[in-house]
C-alpha atoms as a PDB file:
ATOM      1  CA  MET A   1     -12.874  42.826  18.204  1.00  0.00           C
ATOM      2  CA  HIS A   2     -16.523  40.873  17.102  1.00  0.00           C
ATOM      3  CA  ILE A   3     -19.736  42.800  19.009  1.00  0.00           C
ATOM      4  CA  HIS A   4     -20.877  39.606  20.675  1.00  0.00           C
ATOM      5  CA  LYS A   5     -16.997  39.086  22.287  1.00  0.00           C
ATOM      6  CA  VAL A   6     -17.340  43.182  23.463  1.00  0.00           C
ATOM      7  CA  GLY A   7     -20.408  41.567  25.776  1.00  0.00           C
ATOM      8  CA  ILE A   8     -17.931  39.657  28.037  1.00  0.00           C
ATOM      9  CA  LEU A   9     -15.919  42.143  29.109  1.00  0.00           C
ATOM     10  CA  LEU A  10     -18.584  44.405  30.414  1.00  0.00           C
ATOM     11  CA  MET A  11     -19.130  44.534  34.167  1.00  0.00           C
ATOM     12  CA  LEU A  12     -22.783  43.293  35.018  1.00  0.00           C
ATOM     13  CA  LEU A  13     -25.731  45.678  35.274  1.00  0.00           C
ATOM     14  CA  CYS A  14     -27.051  46.435  38.499  1.00  0.00           C
ATOM     15  CA  PHE A  15     -30.084  49.122  38.843  1.00  0.00           C
ATOM     16  CA  GLY A  16     -29.147  49.485  42.408  1.00  0.00           C
ATOM     17  CA  SER A  17     -26.046  51.381  41.657  1.00  0.00           C
ATOM     18  CA  ALA A  18     -25.738  55.005  42.482  1.00  0.00           C
ATOM     19  CA  GLN A  19     -23.399  55.454  38.895  1.00  0.00           C
ATOM     20  CA  ALA A  20     -23.919  54.893  35.841  1.00  0.00           C
ATOM     21  CA  GLN A  21     -22.763  51.719  34.461  1.00  0.00           C
ATOM     22  CA  ARG A  22     -20.161  52.712  31.632  1.00  0.00           C
ATOM     23  CA  ILE A  23     -20.620  50.129  28.308  1.00  0.00           C
ATOM     24  CA  GLN A  24     -18.507  49.687  25.698  1.00  0.00           C
ATOM     25  CA  GLY A  25     -20.487  49.160  22.086  1.00  0.00           C
ATOM     26  CA  THR A  26     -19.866  50.173  18.796  1.00  0.00           C
ATOM     27  CA  THR A  27     -20.318  52.613  16.028  1.00  0.00           C
ATOM     28  CA  TYR A  28     -20.879  51.600  12.463  1.00  0.00           C
ATOM     29  CA  ALA A  29     -21.274  54.104   9.258  1.00  0.00           C
ATOM     30  CA  GLY A  30     -22.054  53.443   5.760  1.00  0.00           C
ATOM     31  CA  THR A  31     -25.121  53.438   3.512  1.00  0.00           C
ATOM     32  CA  LEU A  32     -28.436  52.484   3.513  1.00  0.00           C
ATOM     33  CA  GLY A  33     -30.236  52.070   0.084  1.00  0.00           C
ATOM     34  CA  GLY A  34     -26.902  52.669  -1.849  1.00  0.00           C
ATOM     35  CA  ASN A  35     -26.853  56.465  -1.310  1.00  0.00           C
ATOM     36  CA  ARG A  36     -28.074  57.443   1.773  1.00  0.00           C
ATOM     37  CA  PRO A  37     -25.308  57.904   4.520  1.00  0.00           C
ATOM     38  CA  VAL A  38     -26.134  56.414   8.259  1.00  0.00           C
ATOM     39  CA  ARG A  39     -24.771  55.815  11.666  1.00  0.00           C
ATOM     40  CA  LEU A  40     -25.406  52.902  13.603  1.00  0.00           C
ATOM     41  CA  THR A  41     -24.492  52.432  17.616  1.00  0.00           C
ATOM     42  CA  LEU A  42     -25.080  49.628  19.363  1.00  0.00           C
ATOM     43  CA  TYR A  43     -24.819  48.665  22.862  1.00  0.00           C
ATOM     44  CA  PRO A  44     -25.176  45.285  24.634  1.00  0.00           C
ATOM     45  CA  VAL A  45     -27.489  45.090  27.580  1.00  0.00           C
ATOM     46  CA  ASP A  46     -29.246  42.900  29.521  1.00  0.00           C
ATOM     47  CA  GLY A  47     -29.023  40.219  26.287  1.00  0.00           C
ATOM     48  CA  LEU A  48     -30.393  42.738  24.054  1.00  0.00           C
ATOM     49  CA  TYR A  49     -28.830  45.316  22.030  1.00  0.00           C
ATOM     50  CA  VAL A  50     -29.740  48.947  22.222  1.00  0.00           C
ATOM     51  CA  GLY A  51     -28.657  52.215  20.191  1.00  0.00           C
ATOM     52  CA  LYS A  52     -29.565  54.496  17.786  1.00  0.00           C
ATOM     53  CA  VAL A  53     -29.838  54.957  13.995  1.00  0.00           C
ATOM     54  CA  LYS A  54     -29.040  58.196  12.780  1.00  0.00           C
ATOM     55  CA  ARG A  55     -29.771  59.494   9.069  1.00  0.00           C
ATOM     56  CA  PHE A  56     -28.182  62.444   7.036  1.00  0.00           C
ATOM     57  CA  ASP A  57     -30.155  63.977   4.670  1.00  0.00           C
ATOM     58  CA  ASP A  58     -30.787  67.558   3.065  1.00  0.00           C
ATOM     59  CA  SER A  59     -33.307  67.838   6.092  1.00  0.00           C
ATOM     60  CA  GLY A  60     -30.470  67.816   8.408  1.00  0.00           C
ATOM     61  CA  LYS A  61     -30.251  64.770  10.752  1.00  0.00           C
ATOM     62  CA  THR A  62     -32.424  62.535  12.651  1.00  0.00           C
ATOM     63  CA  SER A  63     -31.691  59.950  15.369  1.00  0.00           C
ATOM     64  CA  THR A  64     -33.916  56.902  16.210  1.00  0.00           C
ATOM     65  CA  LEU A  65     -34.205  54.265  18.488  1.00  0.00           C
ATOM     66  CA  VAL A  66     -33.226  50.526  18.084  1.00  0.00           C
ATOM     67  CA  VAL A  67     -33.537  48.003  20.261  1.00  0.00           C
ATOM     68  CA  GLY A  68     -32.989  43.650  19.097  1.00  0.00           C
ATOM     69  CA  ARG A  69     -30.945  40.794  19.931  1.00  0.00           C
ATOM     70  CA  ALA A  70     -28.128  39.404  18.254  1.00  0.00           C
ATOM     71  CA  GLY A  71     -28.194  35.465  16.813  1.00  0.00           C
ATOM     72  CA  VAL A  72     -27.134  32.531  18.848  1.00  0.00           C
ATOM     73  CA  GLU A  73     -23.489  33.232  17.706  1.00  0.00           C
ATOM     74  CA  GLY A  74     -23.286  37.158  17.578  1.00  0.00           C
ATOM     75  CA  GLU A  75     -22.835  37.608  13.727  1.00  0.00           C
ATOM     76  CA  SER A  76     -25.356  38.798  12.869  1.00  0.00           C
ATOM     77  CA  PHE A  77     -28.191  41.075  14.474  1.00  0.00           C
ATOM     78  CA  GLU A  78     -32.333  41.639  14.378  1.00  0.00           C
ATOM     79  CA  LEU A  79     -33.289  45.191  15.182  1.00  0.00           C
ATOM     80  CA  ARG A  80     -36.557  47.463  15.229  1.00  0.00           C
ATOM     81  CA  GLU A  81     -36.536  50.854  15.226  1.00  0.00           C
ATOM     82  CA  TYR A  82     -38.636  52.729  17.032  1.00  0.00           C
ATOM     83  CA  THR A  83     -39.854  55.737  16.254  1.00  0.00           C
ATOM     84  CA  GLN A  84     -40.780  58.510  19.477  1.00  0.00           C
ATOM     85  CA  ASP A  85     -44.574  57.210  19.698  1.00  0.00           C
ATOM     86  CA  GLY A  86     -43.473  53.983  19.469  1.00  0.00           C
ATOM     87  CA  THR A  87     -44.553  52.839  15.920  1.00  0.00           C
ATOM     88  CA  ILE A  88     -42.039  50.685  14.484  1.00  0.00           C
ATOM     89  CA  THR A  89     -41.353  51.928  11.259  1.00  0.00           C
ATOM     90  CA  ALA A  90     -38.517  49.184  10.434  1.00  0.00           C
ATOM     91  CA  ASN A  91     -36.887  45.831  10.581  1.00  0.00           C
ATOM     92  CA  TRP A  92     -32.663  45.874  10.042  1.00  0.00           C
ATOM     93  CA  GLN A  93     -32.221  42.343   9.619  1.00  0.00           C
ATOM     94  CA  LEU A  94     -27.816  42.075   9.722  1.00  0.00           C
ATOM     95  CA  GLN A  95     -25.032  40.242   9.088  1.00  0.00           C
ATOM     96  CA  LEU A  96     -21.487  40.437  11.085  1.00  0.00           C
ATOM     97  CA  GLN A  97     -18.698  40.483   8.748  1.00  0.00           C
ATOM     98  CA  GLY A  98     -15.590  40.963   9.761  1.00  0.00           C
ATOM     99  CA  ASP A  99     -15.352  44.550  10.774  1.00  0.00           C
ATOM    100  CA  SER A 100     -19.047  45.108   8.897  1.00  0.00           C
ATOM    101  CA  LEU A 101     -21.936  44.728   9.129  1.00  0.00           C
ATOM    102  CA  LYS A 102     -24.442  44.216   5.774  1.00  0.00           C
ATOM    103  CA  GLY A 103     -27.904  43.213   5.235  1.00  0.00           C
ATOM    104  CA  LYS A 104     -31.246  44.596   4.571  1.00  0.00           C
ATOM    105  CA  LYS A 105     -33.745  47.322   5.909  1.00  0.00           C
ATOM    106  CA  TYR A 106     -37.777  46.292   5.899  1.00  0.00           C
ATOM    107  CA  ILE A 107     -41.057  48.373   5.951  1.00  0.00           C
ATOM    108  CA  PRO A 108     -43.165  46.557   8.163  1.00  0.00           C
ATOM    109  CA  TYR A 109     -46.503  45.423   5.709  1.00  0.00           C
ATOM    110  CA  THR A 110     -44.930  46.638   3.271  1.00  0.00           C
ATOM    111  CA  ASP A 111     -42.839  45.525   0.311  1.00  0.00           C
ATOM    112  CA  GLN A 112     -40.344  48.785   0.663  1.00  0.00           C
ATOM    113  CA  GLN A 113     -36.717  47.134   1.541  1.00  0.00           C
ATOM    114  CA  GLY A 114     -32.947  48.671   1.558  1.00  0.00           C
ATOM    115  CA  ARG A 115     -29.704  47.443   1.335  1.00  0.00           C
ATOM    116  CA  VAL A 116     -27.410  48.333   4.485  1.00  0.00           C
ATOM    117  CA  ARG A 117     -23.640  48.401   3.793  1.00  0.00           C
ATOM    118  CA  LEU A 118     -22.022  49.906   7.598  1.00  0.00           C
ATOM    119  CA  SER A 119     -18.167  49.107   8.363  1.00  0.00           C
ATOM    120  CA  LYS A 120     -17.067  49.502  12.202  1.00  0.00           C
ATOM    121  CA  GLU A 121     -16.058  53.298  12.482  1.00  0.00           C
ATOM    122  CA  LYS A 122     -14.796  53.168  16.420  1.00  0.00           C
ATOM    123  CA  HIS A 123     -15.658  51.957  19.671  1.00  0.00           C
ATOM    124  CA  THR A 124     -17.515  53.599  21.924  1.00  0.00           C
ATOM    125  CA  TYR A 125     -19.113  54.086  25.844  1.00  0.00           C
ATOM    126  CA  LEU A 126     -22.803  54.791  27.139  1.00  0.00           C
ATOM    127  CA  GLY A 127     -23.295  55.960  30.618  1.00  0.00           C
ATOM    128  CA  LEU A 128     -26.621  53.796  31.746  1.00  0.00           C
ATOM    129  CA  LYS A 129     -27.767  55.101  34.491  1.00  0.00           C
ATOM    130  CA  LYS A 130     -30.972  54.182  35.839  1.00  0.00           C
ATOM    131  CA  PRO A 131     -34.420  55.667  34.984  1.00  0.00           C
ATOM    132  CA  GLU A 132     -35.717  58.866  36.696  1.00  0.00           C
ATOM    133  CA  HIS A 133     -39.314  58.281  36.007  1.00  0.00           C
ATOM    134  CA  LEU A 134     -41.264  55.669  35.463  1.00  0.00           C
ATOM    135  CA  GLU A 135     -44.229  57.257  35.205  1.00  0.00           C
ATOM    136  CA  GLY A 136     -45.926  57.489  31.817  1.00  0.00           C
ATOM    137  CA  ASP A 137     -46.947  55.174  28.916  1.00  0.00           C
ATOM    138  CA  TYR A 138     -44.837  52.666  27.529  1.00  0.00           C
ATOM    139  CA  GLY A 139     -46.265  51.559  23.969  1.00  0.00           C
ATOM    140  CA  TYR A 140     -45.694  49.365  20.468  1.00  0.00           C
ATOM    141  CA  GLN A 141     -47.080  49.704  17.286  1.00  0.00           C
ATOM    142  CA  ILE A 142     -46.632  47.968  13.944  1.00  0.00           C
ATOM    143  CA  GLY A 143     -49.060  49.985  11.326  1.00  0.00           C
ATOM    144  CA  GLU A 144     -52.517  50.098  11.171  1.00  0.00           C
ATOM    145  CA  GLU A 145     -52.867  46.320  10.698  1.00  0.00           C
ATOM    146  CA  GLY A 146     -50.285  44.873  13.382  1.00  0.00           C
ATOM    147  CA  PRO A 147     -49.634  44.181  16.786  1.00  0.00           C
ATOM    148  CA  GLN A 148     -50.221  46.802  19.042  1.00  0.00           C
ATOM    149  CA  GLY A 149     -49.635  47.102  22.998  1.00  0.00           C
ATOM    150  CA  LEU A 150     -49.718  49.719  25.522  1.00  0.00           C
ATOM    151  CA  PHE A 151     -48.371  49.325  29.331  1.00  0.00           C
ATOM    152  CA  SER A 152     -48.996  52.156  31.523  1.00  0.00           C
ATOM    153  CA  ILE A 153     -47.843  52.972  34.873  1.00  0.00           C
ATOM    154  CA  THR A 154     -48.675  55.231  37.706  1.00  0.00           C
ATOM    155  CA  LYS A 155     -46.469  55.374  41.126  1.00  0.00           C
ATOM    156  CA  ILE A 156     -48.511  55.596  43.979  1.00  0.00           C
ATOM    157  CA  GLY A 157     -45.678  54.766  46.399  1.00  0.00           C
ATOM    158  CA  PRO A 158     -41.586  54.966  46.869  1.00  0.00           C
ATOM    159  CA  ASP A 159     -41.566  51.174  45.882  1.00  0.00           C
ATOM    160  CA  ARG A 160     -45.433  50.290  44.588  1.00  0.00           C
ATOM    161  CA  ILE A 161     -46.910  50.869  41.016  1.00  0.00           C
ATOM    162  CA  ALA A 162     -50.271  50.729  39.398  1.00  0.00           C
ATOM    163  CA  ILE A 163     -50.241  48.978  36.016  1.00  0.00           C
ATOM    164  CA  ASP A 164     -52.961  49.112  33.052  1.00  0.00           C
ATOM    165  CA  ALA A 165     -51.810  47.158  30.262  1.00  0.00           C
ATOM    166  CA  VAL A 166     -53.058  45.848  27.029  1.00  0.00           C
ATOM    167  CA  ALA A 167     -51.886  44.180  24.266  1.00  0.00           C
ATOM    168  CA  VAL A 168     -53.908  43.227  21.055  1.00  0.00           C
ATOM    169  CA  THR A 169     -52.815  41.187  17.951  1.00  0.00           C
ATOM    170  CA  SER A 170     -53.242  41.742  13.852  1.00  0.00           C
ATOM    171  CA  ALA A 171     -56.087  42.609  12.904  1.00  0.00           C
ATOM    172  CA  PRO A 172     -59.186  41.425  11.926  1.00  0.00           C
ATOM    173  CA  ALA A 173     -59.219  39.378  14.743  1.00  0.00           C
ATOM    174  CA  ARG A 174     -57.474  41.412  17.097  1.00  0.00           C
ATOM    175  CA  ASN A 175     -57.084  38.812  19.887  1.00  0.00           C
ATOM    176  CA  ILE A 176     -56.010  40.511  23.339  1.00  0.00           C
ATOM    177  CA  ALA A 177     -53.789  39.898  26.327  1.00  0.00           C
ATOM    178  CA  ALA A 178     -54.727  42.904  29.618  1.00  0.00           C
ATOM    179  CA  TYR A 179     -53.955  43.309  33.007  1.00  0.00           C
ATOM    180  CA  GLN A 180     -54.343  45.619  35.247  1.00  0.00           C
ATOM    181  CA  ASP A 181     -52.545  45.420  39.417  1.00  0.00           C
ATOM    182  CA  THR A 182     -50.739  47.234  41.728  1.00  0.00           C
ATOM    183  CA  VAL A 183     -46.858  45.569  42.210  1.00  0.00           C
ATOM    184  CA  SER A 184     -43.922  46.144  43.556  1.00  0.00           C
ATOM    185  CA  LEU A 185     -41.444  47.824  42.440  1.00  0.00           C
ATOM    186  CA  MET A 186     -37.963  46.223  42.998  1.00  0.00           C
ATOM    187  CA  HIS A 187     -34.795  48.135  41.068  1.00  0.00           C
ATOM    188  CA  HIS A 188     -36.473  49.425  38.749  1.00  0.00           C
ATOM    189  CA  ARG A 189     -38.006  46.030  38.198  1.00  0.00           C
ATOM    190  CA  PHE A 190     -41.222  44.155  39.226  1.00  0.00           C
ATOM    191  CA  GLU A 191     -42.911  40.427  38.830  1.00  0.00           C
ATOM    192  CA  HIS A 192     -46.583  39.180  38.084  1.00  0.00           C
ATOM    193  CA  LYS A 193     -47.639  35.482  38.498  1.00  0.00           C
ATOM    194  CA  PHE A 194     -51.085  34.416  36.325  1.00  0.00           C
ATOM    195  CA  ILE A 195     -52.534  31.423  37.029  1.00  0.00           C
ATOM    196  CA  GLY A 196     -55.366  29.971  35.241  1.00  0.00           C
ATOM    197  CA  PRO A 197     -56.769  26.393  33.600  1.00  0.00           C
ATOM    198  CA  THR A 198     -55.818  25.015  30.456  1.00  0.00           C
ATOM    199  CA  ASP A 199     -58.335  23.099  28.115  1.00  0.00           C
ATOM    200  CA  ASP A 200     -58.607  20.106  30.347  1.00  0.00           C
ATOM    201  CA  ASP A 201     -58.312  21.809  33.252  1.00  0.00           C
ATOM    202  CA  VAL A 202     -54.889  21.421  34.691  1.00  0.00           C
ATOM    203  CA  PRO A 203     -53.790  24.652  36.016  1.00  0.00           C
ATOM    204  CA  CYS A 204     -51.223  26.356  33.996  1.00  0.00           C
ATOM    205  CA  GLU A 205     -49.290  30.226  35.029  1.00  0.00           C
ATOM    206  CA  ILE A 206     -47.110  32.855  33.104  1.00  0.00           C
ATOM    207  CA  ASP A 207     -44.538  34.987  35.315  1.00  0.00           C
ATOM    208  CA  LEU A 208     -43.874  37.840  33.952  1.00  0.00           C
ATOM    209  CA  GLU A 209     -41.254  40.014  34.015  1.00  0.00           C
ATOM    210  CA  GLY A 210     -40.685  43.953  33.694  1.00  0.00           C
ATOM    211  CA  VAL A 211     -37.825  45.656  33.866  1.00  0.00           C
ATOM    212  CA  PHE A 212     -37.686  49.857  32.814  1.00  0.00           C
ATOM    213  CA  TYR A 213     -35.024  51.217  31.286  1.00  0.00           C
ATOM    214  CA  SER A 214     -34.280  55.275  30.365  1.00  0.00           C
ATOM    215  CA  ASP A 215     -36.065  54.589  26.998  1.00  0.00           C
ATOM    216  CA  PHE A 216     -38.148  51.565  26.986  1.00  0.00           C
ATOM    217  CA  LEU A 217     -39.907  49.036  29.270  1.00  0.00           C
ATOM    218  CA  ARG A 218     -39.146  45.151  28.221  1.00  0.00           C
ATOM    219  CA  VAL A 219     -41.965  42.656  29.492  1.00  0.00           C
ATOM    220  CA  ARG A 220     -41.086  39.336  29.056  1.00  0.00           C
ATOM    221  CA  TYR A 221     -42.194  35.312  30.296  1.00  0.00           C
ATOM    222  CA  THR A 222     -39.600  33.908  32.335  1.00  0.00           C
ATOM    223  CA  ASN A 223     -41.078  30.303  33.122  1.00  0.00           C
ATOM    224  CA  THR A 224     -40.588  27.525  30.774  1.00  0.00           C
ATOM    225  CA  ASN A 225     -43.970  26.954  29.230  1.00  0.00           C
ATOM    226  CA  PRO A 226     -45.821  29.945  30.114  1.00  0.00           C
ATOM    227  CA  CYS A 227     -49.960  29.155  29.292  1.00  0.00           C
ATOM    228  CA  PRO A 228     -50.819  29.189  26.802  1.00  0.00           C
ATOM    229  CA  PHE A 229     -54.451  29.648  27.039  1.00  0.00           C
ATOM    230  CA  TYR A 230     -54.422  32.602  29.598  1.00  0.00           C
ATOM    231  CA  PHE A 231     -54.943  34.940  26.917  1.00  0.00           C
ATOM    232  CA  GLY A 232     -56.443  35.395  23.475  1.00  0.00           C
ATOM    233  CA  HIS A 233     -55.267  33.052  20.976  1.00  0.00           C
ATOM    234  CA  ARG A 234     -51.930  34.446  20.496  1.00  0.00           C
ATOM    235  CA  ALA A 235     -52.091  37.589  22.231  1.00  0.00           C
ATOM    236  CA  THR A 236     -49.218  38.124  24.863  1.00  0.00           C
ATOM    237  CA  LEU A 237     -47.730  40.721  27.278  1.00  0.00           C
ATOM    238  CA  GLU A 238     -44.456  40.135  25.885  1.00  0.00           C
ATOM    239  CA  GLY A 239     -41.963  42.949  23.923  1.00  0.00           C
ATOM    240  CA  ILE A 240     -40.743  46.152  24.292  1.00  0.00           C
ATOM    241  CA  PHE A 241     -42.672  49.106  24.955  1.00  0.00           C
ATOM    242  CA  LYS A 242     -41.155  52.752  24.310  1.00  0.00           C
ATOM    243  CA  LYS A 243     -41.885  55.453  26.326  1.00  0.00           C
ATOM    244  CA  ILE A 244     -43.606  57.621  24.651  1.00  0.00           C
ATOM    245  CA  ARG A 245     -44.925  59.820  26.902  1.00  0.00           C
END
């Protein structure tokens, strides 16, 4: 069964539930770069694909977080790999061909890439639980010169949090998007509305939504035409922010 079809069979994810939701995913095993053993497990979660990459070498086994999306038809995947400190160390571009995943892994801001060849090993299940501790820092960084972002979260009550967020575009410009506020927390989710003028003095807005998961915070704009001039040129608060502390 193709991965995209698995999502149709899932129960709806509900963070208000007291019990963990069981989500069916798929584990693939094969090689990276032609000879390095690797295993990739992916689960569909709220329109994303979330999982782990496990490598096996002389130093032992390592496991890192991957988060990304499937293509329109569910036959391709764009995944980002995160280390514990939020650094995005690789982009995975994969095509689903029958029971196999084939493609390449790219290292950001370098010419390094490796061929990926994986075959379906088994279906697996994830007990998706509510994140227990929301406080802390969530971030991402793409190399020294690439985009960076950080959300610092402080809980100030049972259903309110204080947010201190900043994100910058690639060097050398480093245009900035910044945000500080106290917001209500609704089942591990928060919202905020930015309202500002455009160049024509016509008000525009950004409807921001953040959702906490056990390993990361997903931030996105939910309105159709978010204001393009509110922050610095091309600066955005959208993204996947890995929990780093």
